Amino acid sequence: MSTPSSARTEPALWSQDGSRLAVVSAEEHVVVVPVAGGEAKRVTTGSGFEQETGWFADGDRLAYVMTRGEGGGSVTSFASSLATGAAEPLVPSEKRFYIGTPSPDGKHIGFGVIESNRPIWVADRAGKNPRQLTQ
């Protein structure tokens, strides 16, 4: 696994408690690194491009976006638990390509749908009950 020194140049995301950084490794996987030192833990499991987008208020889950397919064919956001390793779509009912992140208080998920007019949506913390904010 890559060390933080081999990470790409995108900004790292601090966890709410300041104990960890989420970064993209040289292999384009999202990893979490303890600030006090220690081994980087790989969070994502895909084979396409991956980028962290935000920490959940619970401090356990991290949101990230991942591309799949030739030339980045699909773009979807996921939430991964560091404790269990389980990953699930950030907005389970959304079938279009989208990029999302949790709100700072953890009560909502904001996401942008990748289509010609780029509408912005918000959903509850479970990614349910989405409502469109912009046209």
C-alpha atoms as a PDB file:
ATOM      1  CA  MET A   1       0.000   0.000   0.000  1.00  0.00           C
ATOM      2  CA  SER A   2       1.185   3.510  -0.701  1.00  0.00           C
ATOM      3  CA  THR A   3       2.373   5.758   2.037  1.00  0.00           C
ATOM      4  CA  PRO A   4       1.067   9.307   2.393  1.00  0.00           C
ATOM      5  CA  SER A   5       4.243  10.608   0.726  1.00  0.00           C
ATOM      6  CA  SER A   6       3.175   8.913  -2.506  1.00  0.00           C
ATOM      7  CA  ALA A   7      -0.351  10.324  -2.376  1.00  0.00           C
ATOM      8  CA  ARG A   8      -1.601  12.495  -5.202  1.00  0.00           C
ATOM      9  CA  THR A   9      -1.903  16.231  -4.824  1.00  0.00           C
ATOM     10  CA  GLU A  10      -5.651  16.576  -4.136  1.00  0.00           C
ATOM     11  CA  PRO A  11      -6.377  18.053  -0.703  1.00  0.00           C
ATOM     12  CA  ALA A  12      -6.683  15.591   2.144  1.00  0.00           C
ATOM     13  CA  LEU A  13      -9.869  15.536   4.225  1.00  0.00           C
ATOM     14  CA  TRP A  14      -9.522  15.761   8.003  1.00  0.00           C
ATOM     15  CA  SER A  15     -11.815  13.627  10.170  1.00  0.00           C
ATOM     16  CA  GLN A  16     -14.021  15.672  12.529  1.00  0.00           C
ATOM     17  CA  ASP A  17     -11.897  14.759  15.542  1.00  0.00           C
ATOM     18  CA  GLY A  18      -8.648  15.593  13.715  1.00  0.00           C
ATOM     19  CA  SER A  19      -7.148  12.136  14.235  1.00  0.00           C
ATOM     20  CA  ARG A  20      -7.170  10.920  10.618  1.00  0.00           C
ATOM     21  CA  LEU A  21      -6.701  12.116   7.060  1.00  0.00           C
ATOM     22  CA  ALA A  22      -8.442  10.651   4.018  1.00  0.00           C
ATOM     23  CA  VAL A  23      -6.330  10.917   0.857  1.00  0.00           C
ATOM     24  CA  VAL A  24      -6.021   9.338  -2.588  1.00  0.00           C
ATOM     25  CA  SER A  25      -3.024   7.018  -2.905  1.00  0.00           C
ATOM     26  CA  ALA A  26      -0.737   6.824  -5.913  1.00  0.00           C
ATOM     27  CA  GLU A  27      -2.799   3.802  -7.017  1.00  0.00           C
ATOM     28  CA  GLU A  28      -5.925   6.027  -6.991  1.00  0.00           C
ATOM     29  CA  HIS A  29      -7.559   4.350  -3.995  1.00  0.00           C
ATOM     30  CA  VAL A  30      -8.911   6.256  -1.007  1.00  0.00           C
ATOM     31  CA  VAL A  31      -6.884   5.536   2.112  1.00  0.00           C
ATOM     32  CA  VAL A  32      -7.186   6.781   5.694  1.00  0.00           C
ATOM     33  CA  VAL A  33      -4.001   7.655   7.540  1.00  0.00           C
ATOM     34  CA  PRO A  34      -3.739   8.194  11.312  1.00  0.00           C
ATOM     35  CA  VAL A  35      -2.266  11.632  12.016  1.00  0.00           C
ATOM     36  CA  ALA A  36      -0.298  10.207  14.957  1.00  0.00           C
ATOM     37  CA  GLY A  37       1.413   7.812  12.550  1.00  0.00           C
ATOM     38  CA  GLY A  38       0.787   4.267  11.519  1.00  0.00           C
ATOM     39  CA  GLU A  39      -0.321   2.241   8.559  1.00  0.00           C
ATOM     40  CA  ALA A  40      -2.600   3.679   5.877  1.00  0.00           C
ATOM     41  CA  LYS A  41      -5.885   1.753   5.617  1.00  0.00           C
ATOM     42  CA  ARG A  42      -7.412   1.288   2.176  1.00  0.00           C
ATOM     43  CA  VAL A  43     -11.095   2.273   2.222  1.00  0.00           C
ATOM     44  CA  THR A  44     -12.176   1.751  -1.378  1.00  0.00           C
ATOM     45  CA  THR A  45     -12.156  -1.456  -3.394  1.00  0.00           C
ATOM     46  CA  GLY A  46     -12.898  -0.399  -6.966  1.00  0.00           C
ATOM     47  CA  SER A  47     -10.641  -0.466  -9.978  1.00  0.00           C
ATOM     48  CA  GLY A  48     -11.483   2.983 -11.373  1.00  0.00           C
ATOM     49  CA  PHE A  49     -10.652   6.476 -10.178  1.00  0.00           C
ATOM     50  CA  GLU A  50     -11.675   7.121  -6.561  1.00  0.00           C
ATOM     51  CA  GLN A  51     -11.799  10.402  -4.591  1.00  0.00           C
ATOM     52  CA  GLU A  52     -12.877  11.095  -1.020  1.00  0.00           C
ATOM     53  CA  THR A  53     -15.702  13.639  -0.708  1.00  0.00           C
ATOM     54  CA  GLY A  54     -16.487  13.915   3.004  1.00  0.00           C
ATOM     55  CA  TRP A  55     -16.572  12.397   6.472  1.00  0.00           C
ATOM     56  CA  PHE A  56     -19.856  11.563   8.169  1.00  0.00           C
ATOM     57  CA  ALA A  57     -20.466  13.116  11.591  1.00  0.00           C
ATOM     58  CA  ASP A  58     -20.251   9.628  13.180  1.00  0.00           C
ATOM     59  CA  GLY A  59     -16.507   9.572  12.432  1.00  0.00           C
ATOM     60  CA  ASP A  60     -16.769   6.016  11.116  1.00  0.00           C
ATOM     61  CA  ARG A  61     -18.059   6.490   7.588  1.00  0.00           C
ATOM     62  CA  LEU A  62     -16.365   8.207   4.688  1.00  0.00           C
ATOM     63  CA  ALA A  63     -18.065   9.279   1.459  1.00  0.00           C
ATOM     64  CA  TYR A  64     -16.230   8.906  -1.831  1.00  0.00           C
ATOM     65  CA  VAL A  65     -16.882   9.028  -5.548  1.00  0.00           C
ATOM     66  CA  MET A  66     -15.808   6.224  -7.857  1.00  0.00           C
ATOM     67  CA  THR A  67     -15.708   5.808 -11.609  1.00  0.00           C
ATOM     68  CA  ARG A  68     -16.266   2.447 -13.270  1.00  0.00           C
ATOM     69  CA  GLY A  69     -15.867   1.268 -16.797  1.00  0.00           C
ATOM     70  CA  GLU A  70     -13.841   2.325 -19.782  1.00  0.00           C
ATOM     71  CA  GLY A  71     -13.029   6.036 -19.754  1.00  0.00           C
ATOM     72  CA  GLY A  72     -14.829   6.545 -16.431  1.00  0.00           C
ATOM     73  CA  GLY A  73     -18.101   5.153 -17.809  1.00  0.00           C
ATOM     74  CA  SER A  74     -20.133   5.607 -14.608  1.00  0.00           C
ATOM     75  CA  VAL A  75     -19.732   7.963 -11.673  1.00  0.00           C
ATOM     76  CA  THR A  76     -21.355   7.116  -8.330  1.00  0.00           C
ATOM     77  CA  SER A  77     -20.835   8.105  -4.698  1.00  0.00           C
ATOM     78  CA  PHE A  78     -20.561   5.608  -1.880  1.00  0.00           C
ATOM     79  CA  ALA A  79     -20.278   5.574   1.902  1.00  0.00           C
ATOM     80  CA  SER A  80     -17.822   3.173   3.492  1.00  0.00           C
ATOM     81  CA  SER A  81     -17.591   2.169   7.156  1.00  0.00           C
ATOM     82  CA  LEU A  82     -14.025   2.087   8.427  1.00  0.00           C
ATOM     83  CA  ALA A  83     -15.046  -0.297  11.226  1.00  0.00           C
ATOM     84  CA  THR A  84     -16.704  -2.926   9.022  1.00  0.00           C
ATOM     85  CA  GLY A  85     -15.410  -2.184   5.532  1.00  0.00           C
ATOM     86  CA  ALA A  86     -18.986  -2.270   4.222  1.00  0.00           C
ATOM     87  CA  ALA A  87     -19.728   0.156   1.373  1.00  0.00           C
ATOM     88  CA  GLU A  88     -23.107   1.225   0.033  1.00  0.00           C
ATOM     89  CA  PRO A  89     -24.365   3.812  -2.442  1.00  0.00           C
ATOM     90  CA  LEU A  90     -24.667   7.248  -0.848  1.00  0.00           C
ATOM     91  CA  VAL A  91     -28.130   7.742  -2.393  1.00  0.00           C
ATOM     92  CA  PRO A  92     -29.469   4.210  -3.000  1.00  0.00           C
ATOM     93  CA  SER A  93     -32.441   5.215  -5.165  1.00  0.00           C
ATOM     94  CA  GLU A  94     -30.447   7.478  -7.523  1.00  0.00           C
ATOM     95  CA  LYS A  95     -29.898   5.711 -10.854  1.00  0.00           C
ATOM     96  CA  ARG A  96     -28.216   8.603 -12.676  1.00  0.00           C
ATOM     97  CA  PHE A  97     -24.502   9.352 -12.283  1.00  0.00           C
ATOM     98  CA  TYR A  98     -23.915  11.638  -9.292  1.00  0.00           C
ATOM     99  CA  ILE A  99     -21.353  12.998  -6.839  1.00  0.00           C
ATOM    100  CA  GLY A 100     -22.370  13.538  -3.220  1.00  0.00           C
ATOM    101  CA  THR A 101     -21.153  14.365   0.261  1.00  0.00           C
ATOM    102  CA  PRO A 102     -22.637  14.406   3.774  1.00  0.00           C
ATOM    103  CA  SER A 103     -23.490  17.687   5.486  1.00  0.00           C
ATOM    104  CA  PRO A 104     -21.201  18.754   8.366  1.00  0.00           C
ATOM    105  CA  ASP A 105     -23.879  17.913  10.951  1.00  0.00           C
ATOM    106  CA  GLY A 106     -24.585  14.541   9.328  1.00  0.00           C
ATOM    107  CA  LYS A 107     -28.291  15.225   8.850  1.00  0.00           C
ATOM    108  CA  HIS A 108     -28.291  15.423   5.045  1.00  0.00           C
ATOM    109  CA  ILE A 109     -26.527  14.364   1.886  1.00  0.00           C
ATOM    110  CA  GLY A 110     -25.996  16.892  -0.863  1.00  0.00           C
ATOM    111  CA  PHE A 111     -25.399  15.613  -4.369  1.00  0.00           C
ATOM    112  CA  GLY A 112     -25.099  16.828  -7.905  1.00  0.00           C
ATOM    113  CA  VAL A 113     -26.466  14.777 -10.767  1.00  0.00           C
ATOM    114  CA  ILE A 114     -24.161  14.548 -13.745  1.00  0.00           C
ATOM    115  CA  GLU A 115     -26.343  15.558 -16.657  1.00  0.00           C
ATOM    116  CA  SER A 116     -26.555  18.593 -18.932  1.00  0.00           C
ATOM    117  CA  ASN A 117     -28.149  20.994 -16.441  1.00  0.00           C
ATOM    118  CA  ARG A 118     -26.256  19.669 -13.357  1.00  0.00           C
ATOM    119  CA  PRO A 119     -29.125  19.841 -10.830  1.00  0.00           C
ATOM    120  CA  ILE A 120     -28.322  19.900  -7.116  1.00  0.00           C
ATOM    121  CA  TRP A 121     -30.268  17.664  -4.749  1.00  0.00           C
ATOM    122  CA  VAL A 122     -30.437  17.046  -0.998  1.00  0.00           C
ATOM    123  CA  ALA A 123     -31.531  13.845   0.781  1.00  0.00           C
ATOM    124  CA  ASP A 124     -31.788  12.746   4.406  1.00  0.00           C
ATOM    125  CA  ARG A 125     -28.821  11.133   6.202  1.00  0.00           C
ATOM    126  CA  ALA A 126     -29.762   7.692   4.827  1.00  0.00           C
ATOM    127  CA  GLY A 127     -29.807   9.003   1.254  1.00  0.00           C
ATOM    128  CA  LYS A 128     -33.595   8.775   1.117  1.00  0.00           C
ATOM    129  CA  ASN A 129     -36.334  11.335   0.418  1.00  0.00           C
ATOM    130  CA  PRO A 130     -34.316  13.303  -2.150  1.00  0.00           C
ATOM    131  CA  ARG A 131     -35.560  16.704  -3.238  1.00  0.00           C
ATOM    132  CA  GLN A 132     -34.252  18.875  -6.017  1.00  0.00           C
ATOM    133  CA  LEU A 133     -32.825  22.292  -5.075  1.00  0.00           C
ATOM    134  CA  THR A 134     -31.850  23.676  -8.477  1.00  0.00           C
ATOM    135  CA  GLN A 135     -32.969  23.265 -12.060  1.00  0.00           C
END
